[in-house]
Protein backbone atom coordinates (compact mmCIF):
# COMPACT_ATOMS: atom_id res chain seq x y z
CA MET A 1 115.80 4.46 107.52
CA SER A 2 112.38 2.87 107.85
CA HIS A 3 109.15 4.73 107.36
CA THR A 4 106.57 4.28 110.04
CA HIS A 5 102.97 5.16 109.38
CA LYS A 6 100.88 6.12 112.34
CA LYS A 7 97.57 4.33 112.10
CA THR A 8 94.54 5.85 113.70
CA TYR A 9 91.45 3.97 114.69
CA ASP A 10 88.50 4.98 112.52
CA PRO A 11 85.60 2.59 113.01
CA ILE A 12 83.28 1.75 110.14
CA TRP A 13 79.61 2.12 111.02
CA ARG A 14 76.99 -0.02 109.36
CA MET A 15 73.89 1.73 107.98
CA SER A 16 71.84 1.02 111.12
CA ASP A 17 74.55 2.56 113.32
CA CYS A 18 74.78 5.54 111.00
CA CYS A 19 71.00 6.09 111.11
CA HIS A 20 71.18 6.08 114.89
CA GLN A 21 74.18 8.46 114.99
CA VAL A 22 72.63 11.09 112.72
CA ALA A 23 68.97 10.55 113.68
CA LEU A 24 67.90 10.14 110.05
CA SER A 25 66.13 7.34 108.22
CA ARG A 26 67.85 5.04 105.77
CA SER A 27 65.91 6.56 102.85
CA THR A 28 66.87 10.10 103.89
CA ILE A 29 70.54 9.11 104.06
CA TYR A 30 70.35 7.55 100.58
CA ARG A 31 68.71 10.71 99.23
CA LEU A 32 71.45 12.86 100.79
CA ILE A 33 74.12 10.57 99.29
CA ASP A 34 72.49 10.89 95.86
CA ASN A 35 72.57 14.69 96.25
CA ASN A 36 76.25 14.62 97.33
CA ASP A 37 75.19 15.96 100.74
CA PHE A 38 76.40 13.01 102.81
CA PRO A 39 79.64 11.02 102.99
CA LYS A 40 79.95 8.26 100.41
CA PRO A 41 79.47 4.74 101.75
CA ILE A 42 82.14 2.05 101.70
CA PRO A 43 81.08 -1.26 100.11
CA LEU A 44 81.57 -4.03 102.68
CA GLY A 45 80.05 -6.94 100.84
CA ALA A 46 77.54 -7.88 98.18
CA LYS A 47 74.68 -6.12 99.95
CA SER A 48 76.23 -4.19 102.82
CA ILE A 49 77.78 -0.78 103.17
CA GLY A 50 79.45 1.15 105.93
CA PHE A 51 80.57 4.67 106.71
CA LEU A 52 83.78 5.95 108.26
CA SER A 53 82.89 7.30 111.67
CA SER A 54 85.28 10.26 111.20
CA GLU A 55 83.44 11.32 108.03
CA ILE A 56 80.04 11.06 109.73
CA GLU A 57 81.28 13.05 112.73
CA ALA A 58 82.69 15.74 110.41
CA TRP A 59 79.35 15.84 108.54
CA LYS A 60 77.47 16.30 111.84
CA GLU A 61 79.82 19.08 112.94
CA LYS A 62 79.33 20.89 109.62
CA ARG A 63 75.54 20.58 109.91
CA ILE A 64 75.69 22.04 113.42
CA ALA A 65 77.99 24.88 112.32
CA ASP A 66 75.78 25.66 109.31
CA SER A 67 72.66 25.73 111.48
CA ARG A 68 74.33 28.20 113.87
CA LYS A 69 75.27 30.51 110.97
CA VAL A 70 71.64 30.58 109.82
CA GLN A 71 70.45 31.43 113.34
CA GLU A 72 72.97 34.28 113.62
CA SER A 73 71.93 35.90 110.32
């Protein structure tokens, strides 16, 4: 019996794409990463990083949910 693994497409976004997606500056994203408040980047090369789109989308959804909780309080 063979095992088949279902692969899902999860694009990797470069920093510039990530900045655009979350509407934050590069320096703000780095600060959030340092504070463990943003998904960890994936090293892509000597001087480039990327982010899994699914992790960024989940981060955005959590930020939205958290902001709604604050408004309801």
